[in-house]
């Protein structure tokens, strides 16, 4: 792979390759081949987890990080994203990790004279492949398979790149994906994947309950003015009453940032069923795997029979 830009570009086999490599990094079974490489993280939107996670992953791989501050870059003077990336490539940067408010920002970089590797760290309301992959790693680490798992994604589906990425990937891997939250956010894209259900019903039936925050920064002014945290939490939020409805082995997941008291109660965030901080831990190892697959020349040599077992299980 030269770039990782969307979950749609990854086959099931490539997803399992990345999960296995991430788990090997986590257990200390493999070493990096990324010495003498340079990376730049270009974040044009706010980020804590993704930005920090990529920085830690790069440091663990021995990659030298080149600072970038979007607020003081030449993009603010009218420089195109392509010219920015071509500039840092010319100076020897091997990897650009980019978060951008524009959906599919990467399309203007494809088919151009670029040798630098690209990772999409989130594009507008489009895709978030590194978050999706770390979610898949966390689920696989817990259950050991995807086929037949029941997943409920609850929240701001319309504006969530995580919802788009995870729903697509989980469906391709054989999971049954269902949705909850405001009906206005349940678009035709999600209708084609799975049904919309009441939150109590999802809590009772799902193996994985995945929560999404309400993305106020992407809502229209009137939507924000009419939004009630108390009303939303009562209808769609997960509190301990709803946790007690869940099966014994149900996972609660959330890509974060968390809005406590809106989509999740304070005492649920770190309850026994919550894997929220485990997702963050695994994010470092998955991003190491992603970077290694691009820069380290890692050649996957899985036993084909074992690979088929993963896909069909």
Protein backbone atom coordinates (compact mmCIF):
# COMPACT_ATOMS: atom_id res chain seq x y z
CA UNK A 1 0.00 0.00 0.00
CA UNK A 2 1.16 3.51 -0.81
CA UNK A 3 -1.60 5.35 1.07
CA UNK A 4 -4.39 4.60 3.55
CA UNK A 5 -7.25 6.98 2.80
CA UNK A 6 -10.54 5.11 3.18
CA UNK A 7 -11.82 1.83 4.58
CA UNK A 8 -13.30 1.08 1.17
CA UNK A 9 -9.79 0.64 -0.26
CA UNK A 10 -8.94 -2.16 2.20
CA UNK A 11 -9.85 -5.79 1.61
CA UNK A 12 -10.80 -8.01 4.54
CA UNK A 13 -7.41 -9.71 4.20
CA UNK A 14 -5.58 -6.38 4.45
CA UNK A 15 -7.64 -5.44 7.50
CA UNK A 16 -6.65 -8.69 9.22
CA UNK A 17 -3.02 -8.14 8.22
CA UNK A 18 -3.10 -4.74 9.94
CA UNK A 19 -4.86 -6.14 13.02
CA UNK A 20 -2.29 -8.94 13.33
CA UNK A 21 0.62 -6.53 12.90
CA UNK A 22 -0.84 -4.15 15.50
CA UNK A 23 -1.28 -7.01 17.96
CA UNK A 24 2.32 -8.09 17.29
CA UNK A 25 3.53 -4.57 18.06
CA UNK A 26 1.44 -4.61 21.24
CA UNK A 27 2.98 -7.90 22.37
CA UNK A 28 6.50 -6.87 21.37
CA UNK A 29 6.86 -9.63 18.75
CA UNK A 30 8.03 -7.37 15.92
CA UNK A 31 10.48 -4.51 15.47
CA UNK A 32 10.12 -1.51 13.21
CA UNK A 33 11.96 -0.97 9.93
CA UNK A 34 11.23 2.77 9.87
CA UNK A 35 14.64 4.14 10.89
CA UNK A 36 15.71 7.39 9.21
CA UNK A 37 12.17 8.22 8.11
CA UNK A 38 10.43 11.58 8.54
CA UNK A 39 6.74 12.23 9.20
CA UNK A 40 4.61 15.36 9.36
CA UNK A 41 1.16 15.44 10.97
CA UNK A 42 -0.94 18.10 9.26
CA UNK A 43 -4.07 18.69 11.34
CA UNK A 44 -6.41 21.35 9.98
CA UNK A 45 -9.08 20.46 12.57
CA UNK A 46 -8.83 20.13 16.34
CA UNK A 47 -7.71 16.76 17.67
CA UNK A 48 -6.43 15.29 20.92
CA UNK A 49 -6.56 11.51 20.55
CA UNK A 50 -5.77 11.02 16.87
CA UNK A 51 -3.00 13.60 16.74
CA UNK A 52 -1.35 12.45 19.96
CA UNK A 53 -1.77 8.79 19.04
CA UNK A 54 0.00 9.28 15.71
CA UNK A 55 2.80 11.18 17.46
CA UNK A 56 3.31 8.37 19.98
CA UNK A 57 3.12 5.73 17.24
CA UNK A 58 5.75 7.56 15.18
CA UNK A 59 8.01 7.96 18.20
CA UNK A 60 7.75 4.25 19.05
CA UNK A 61 8.71 3.42 15.45
CA UNK A 62 11.78 5.66 15.64
CA UNK A 63 10.41 8.13 13.09
CA UNK A 64 11.53 11.75 13.23
CA UNK A 65 8.56 14.12 13.48
CA UNK A 66 8.53 17.47 11.70
CA UNK A 67 6.36 20.12 13.32
CA UNK A 68 3.39 21.60 11.47
CA UNK A 69 1.05 24.32 12.77
CA UNK A 70 -1.95 24.87 10.52
CA UNK A 71 -2.61 28.27 12.09
CA UNK A 72 0.76 29.60 10.89
CA UNK A 73 1.22 27.69 7.64
CA UNK A 74 1.31 29.08 4.11
CA UNK A 75 -2.13 27.55 3.51
CA UNK A 76 -3.37 30.75 5.14
CA UNK A 77 -1.60 32.69 2.36
CA UNK A 78 -3.46 30.79 -0.33
CA UNK A 79 -1.12 27.83 -0.84
CA UNK A 80 -2.94 24.70 -2.04
CA UNK A 81 -2.85 21.46 -0.07
CA UNK A 82 -1.03 19.83 -2.98
CA UNK A 83 1.70 22.49 -2.96
CA UNK A 84 2.07 22.11 0.82
CA UNK A 85 2.48 18.34 0.53
CA UNK A 86 4.81 18.62 -2.47
CA UNK A 87 6.91 21.13 -0.54
CA UNK A 88 7.45 18.90 2.49
CA UNK A 89 8.06 15.91 0.22
CA UNK A 90 10.80 17.89 -1.53
CA UNK A 91 12.44 18.45 1.85
CA UNK A 92 12.56 14.72 2.59
CA UNK A 93 9.36 14.02 4.51
CA UNK A 94 8.26 10.41 3.86
CA UNK A 95 4.79 10.42 5.42
CA UNK A 96 2.01 13.01 5.68
CA UNK A 97 -0.79 12.30 8.16
CA UNK A 98 -3.62 14.68 7.29
CA UNK A 99 -6.86 15.70 8.99
CA UNK A 100 -9.00 18.14 7.03
CA UNK A 101 -12.48 19.62 7.28
CA UNK A 102 -13.13 18.97 3.58
CA UNK A 103 -14.71 15.64 2.61
CA UNK A 104 -12.35 13.59 0.41
CA UNK A 105 -9.62 16.24 0.59
CA UNK A 106 -7.20 13.59 -0.65
CA UNK A 107 -8.75 13.43 -4.10
CA UNK A 108 -6.81 16.54 -5.16
CA UNK A 109 -3.58 14.74 -4.22
CA UNK A 110 -4.17 11.53 -6.15
CA UNK A 111 -2.84 11.12 -9.66
CA UNK A 112 -0.32 13.88 -9.05
CA UNK A 113 3.45 13.70 -9.01
CA UNK A 114 3.74 12.71 -5.36
CA UNK A 115 5.95 10.00 -3.89
CA UNK A 116 5.18 10.80 -0.25
CA UNK A 117 2.90 8.36 1.61
CA UNK A 118 -0.46 9.65 2.86
CA UNK A 119 -2.72 8.65 5.75
CA UNK A 120 -6.17 10.14 6.13
CA UNK A 121 -6.61 11.06 9.80
CA UNK A 122 -10.21 12.15 9.17
CA UNK A 123 -11.84 14.02 6.31
CA UNK A 124 -14.87 16.15 7.13
CA UNK A 125 -17.86 13.85 7.61
CA UNK A 126 -16.34 11.23 5.30
CA UNK A 127 -13.89 8.60 6.54
CA UNK A 128 -11.66 7.90 9.55
CA UNK A 129 -9.71 4.73 8.68
CA UNK A 130 -7.32 4.74 11.64
CA UNK A 131 -10.22 5.00 14.12
CA UNK A 132 -12.12 2.27 12.31
CA UNK A 133 -9.11 -0.03 12.28
CA UNK A 134 -8.41 0.44 15.98
CA UNK A 135 -12.09 -0.23 16.69
CA UNK A 136 -11.86 -3.45 14.68
CA UNK A 137 -8.69 -4.43 16.53
CA UNK A 138 -10.40 -3.87 19.89
CA UNK A 139 -13.43 -5.93 18.86
CA UNK A 140 -11.26 -8.73 17.46
CA UNK A 141 -9.09 -8.74 20.58
CA UNK A 142 -12.26 -9.19 22.67
CA UNK A 143 -14.25 -11.70 20.57
CA UNK A 144 -11.74 -13.24 18.13
CA UNK A 145 -14.15 -12.94 15.18
CA UNK A 146 -16.61 -10.60 13.43
CA UNK A 147 -19.02 -12.91 11.62
CA UNK A 148 -22.48 -12.69 13.17
CA UNK A 149 -21.64 -10.10 15.83
CA UNK A 150 -24.48 -7.65 16.44
CA UNK A 151 -23.35 -4.03 16.54
CA UNK A 152 -25.49 -1.02 17.46
CA UNK A 153 -24.19 2.43 16.48
CA UNK A 154 -26.05 5.18 18.35
CA UNK A 155 -25.73 8.92 17.88
CA UNK A 156 -24.93 11.54 15.27
CA UNK A 157 -24.69 9.20 12.30
CA UNK A 158 -25.04 11.95 9.70
CA UNK A 159 -21.91 13.86 10.66
CA UNK A 160 -19.74 11.00 11.93
CA UNK A 161 -16.85 9.76 9.79
CA UNK A 162 -16.50 6.94 12.35
CA UNK A 163 -20.06 5.77 11.64
CA UNK A 164 -19.41 5.74 7.90
CA UNK A 165 -16.11 3.88 8.25
CA UNK A 166 -17.15 1.35 10.90
CA UNK A 167 -20.55 0.50 9.43
CA UNK A 168 -18.97 -0.25 6.08
CA UNK A 169 -16.06 -2.29 7.41
CA UNK A 170 -18.05 -4.28 9.97
CA UNK A 171 -20.65 -5.21 7.36
CA UNK A 172 -17.95 -6.40 4.98
CA UNK A 173 -16.50 -8.53 7.77
CA UNK A 174 -19.83 -10.23 8.42
CA UNK A 175 -21.18 -8.32 11.42
CA UNK A 176 -24.83 -7.24 11.64
CA UNK A 177 -24.90 -3.46 12.02
CA UNK A 178 -27.92 -1.63 13.47
CA UNK A 179 -28.49 2.03 14.28
CA UNK A 180 -30.06 4.31 16.88
CA UNK A 181 -30.46 8.01 17.52
CA UNK A 182 -32.43 10.79 15.87
CA UNK A 183 -34.30 9.64 12.77
CA UNK A 184 -33.07 12.73 10.91
CA UNK A 185 -29.52 11.35 11.11
CA UNK A 186 -30.52 7.93 9.72
CA UNK A 187 -29.80 8.54 6.04
CA UNK A 188 -30.27 6.27 3.02
CA UNK A 189 -26.62 5.20 3.33
CA UNK A 190 -27.34 3.63 6.72
CA UNK A 191 -30.77 2.33 5.72
CA UNK A 192 -29.00 0.20 3.11
CA UNK A 193 -26.87 -1.38 5.86
CA UNK A 194 -29.20 -2.09 8.77
CA UNK A 195 -32.38 -1.12 10.66
CA UNK A 196 -33.00 1.78 13.01
CA UNK A 197 -33.98 0.54 16.48
CA UNK A 198 -34.96 1.92 19.87
CA UNK A 199 -32.02 2.36 22.25
CA UNK A 200 -33.45 -0.01 24.89
CA UNK A 201 -33.83 -2.69 22.23
CA UNK A 202 -30.24 -2.17 21.05
CA UNK A 203 -28.94 -2.42 24.61
CA UNK A 204 -30.74 -5.72 25.13
CA UNK A 205 -29.70 -7.38 21.87
CA UNK A 206 -26.30 -6.04 20.78
CA UNK A 207 -22.86 -7.56 21.38
CA UNK A 208 -21.30 -4.13 20.84
CA UNK A 209 -22.91 -0.77 21.64
CA UNK A 210 -20.97 2.00 19.91
CA UNK A 211 -21.78 5.57 20.94
CA UNK A 212 -21.14 8.73 18.95
CA UNK A 213 -21.07 12.29 20.22
CA UNK A 214 -23.34 14.98 18.82
CA UNK A 215 -21.10 17.07 16.55
CA UNK A 216 -22.37 20.54 17.35
CA UNK A 217 -19.65 22.14 15.22
CA UNK A 218 -21.25 20.57 12.13
CA UNK A 219 -24.91 21.25 13.01
CA UNK A 220 -26.85 24.14 11.58
CA UNK A 221 -27.49 27.08 13.92
CA UNK A 222 -31.17 26.24 14.35
CA UNK A 223 -30.32 22.61 15.17
CA UNK A 224 -27.96 23.74 17.93
CA UNK A 225 -30.49 26.25 19.28
CA UNK A 226 -33.19 23.61 19.51
CA UNK A 227 -30.91 20.91 20.96
CA UNK A 228 -31.52 19.87 24.57
CA UNK A 229 -28.81 17.85 26.30
CA UNK A 230 -31.28 16.63 28.92
CA UNK A 231 -33.83 15.50 26.36
CA UNK A 232 -31.22 13.80 24.19
CA UNK A 233 -29.68 11.95 27.13
CA UNK A 234 -33.08 10.75 28.33
CA UNK A 235 -33.99 9.38 24.90
CA UNK A 236 -30.65 8.14 23.54
CA UNK A 237 -28.00 8.30 26.29
CA UNK A 238 -26.50 5.25 27.98
CA UNK A 239 -26.82 5.23 31.76
CA UNK A 240 -26.41 2.41 34.25
CA UNK A 241 -30.07 1.47 33.87
CA UNK A 242 -29.41 0.68 30.21
CA UNK A 243 -26.06 -0.97 30.98
CA UNK A 244 -27.93 -3.43 33.21
CA UNK A 245 -30.10 -4.37 30.21
CA UNK A 246 -27.05 -5.53 28.27
CA UNK A 247 -25.76 -9.06 27.91
CA UNK A 248 -22.92 -10.11 30.19
CA UNK A 249 -20.25 -9.81 27.49
CA UNK A 250 -21.50 -6.68 25.69
CA UNK A 251 -18.85 -4.10 24.83
CA UNK A 252 -19.47 -0.35 25.13
CA UNK A 253 -17.33 1.66 22.71
CA UNK A 254 -16.93 5.35 21.87
CA UNK A 255 -14.39 7.01 19.54
CA UNK A 256 -14.30 10.10 21.81
CA UNK A 257 -14.21 12.93 22.66
CA UNK A 258 -16.89 12.03 25.16
CA UNK A 259 -19.71 14.37 26.10
CA UNK A 260 -20.60 13.13 29.58
CA UNK A 261 -24.25 13.52 30.39
CA UNK A 262 -25.22 13.76 26.71
CA UNK A 263 -24.59 10.39 25.03
CA UNK A 264 -23.10 8.62 28.06
CA UNK A 265 -23.42 8.90 31.82
CA UNK A 266 -20.36 9.69 33.88
CA UNK A 267 -20.40 6.37 35.71
CA UNK A 268 -20.64 4.38 32.46
CA UNK A 269 -17.45 5.80 30.93
CA UNK A 270 -15.18 3.54 32.98
CA UNK A 271 -17.62 0.79 33.95
CA UNK A 272 -16.74 -2.87 33.50
CA UNK A 273 -18.28 -3.07 30.02
CA UNK A 274 -16.52 0.04 28.71
CA UNK A 275 -13.65 -0.36 26.26
CA UNK A 276 -13.27 3.36 25.59
CA UNK A 277 -9.77 3.76 27.00
CA UNK A 278 -8.75 0.36 25.62
CA UNK A 279 -9.61 1.77 22.20
CA UNK A 280 -7.22 4.66 22.83
CA UNK A 281 -4.48 2.26 23.97
CA UNK A 282 -4.95 0.08 20.89
CA UNK A 283 -4.97 3.15 18.67
CA UNK A 284 -1.23 3.62 19.15
CA UNK A 285 -0.46 0.06 18.04
CA UNK A 286 -2.84 0.16 15.10
CA UNK A 287 -1.34 3.42 13.88
CA UNK A 288 2.11 1.87 14.25
CA UNK A 289 0.91 -0.96 12.02
CA UNK A 290 -0.50 1.44 9.44
CA UNK A 291 2.71 3.46 9.29
CA UNK A 292 4.90 0.35 9.23
CA UNK A 293 2.90 -1.07 6.33
CA UNK A 294 3.61 2.09 4.33
CA UNK A 295 7.15 3.01 5.36
CA UNK A 296 8.72 -0.13 6.75
CA UNK A 297 8.36 -2.36 3.73
CA UNK A 298 6.60 -4.92 5.92
CA UNK A 299 5.76 -7.98 3.87
CA UNK A 300 2.82 -9.96 5.21
CA UNK A 301 3.28 -13.71 4.94
CA UNK A 302 0.26 -15.18 6.67
CA UNK A 303 -0.69 -18.81 6.22
CA UNK A 304 -3.52 -18.73 3.63
CA UNK A 305 -5.59 -21.32 5.52
CA UNK A 306 -5.38 -19.25 8.69
CA UNK A 307 -6.38 -16.16 6.75
CA UNK A 308 -9.49 -17.83 5.38
CA UNK A 309 -10.41 -18.95 8.86
CA UNK A 310 -10.36 -15.31 10.02
CA UNK A 311 -12.65 -14.20 7.22
CA UNK A 312 -15.18 -17.00 7.43
CA UNK A 313 -15.38 -17.60 11.15
